[in-house]
Amino acid sequence: MSSSSQPATKPDDALEAAVDQAISACGGDMRATIRALIVANEYLETEVGELMKAVSHAYTRGRFQSYSG
């Protein structure tokens, strides 16, 4: 695994560094890391849903123009 003190040079290295950082943030507990990632993902999915509703509502009220190419 890549060390977080070394700069990431490839996309895989950056991903490995992010994995190491997430595990480290959870004290090395893999179950806690997975749990935190699931909670974060659910939060982001909720945020996306709320933003989609807001944009859709604004679009139907004529606040956004459609793209005609």
Foldseek 3Di string as FASTA:
>chain_A
DDDLVDDDDDPVSVVVNVVVVLCVVVVNDPVVSVVVVVVVVVVVVVVVVVVVVVVVVCVVVPVDDDDPD
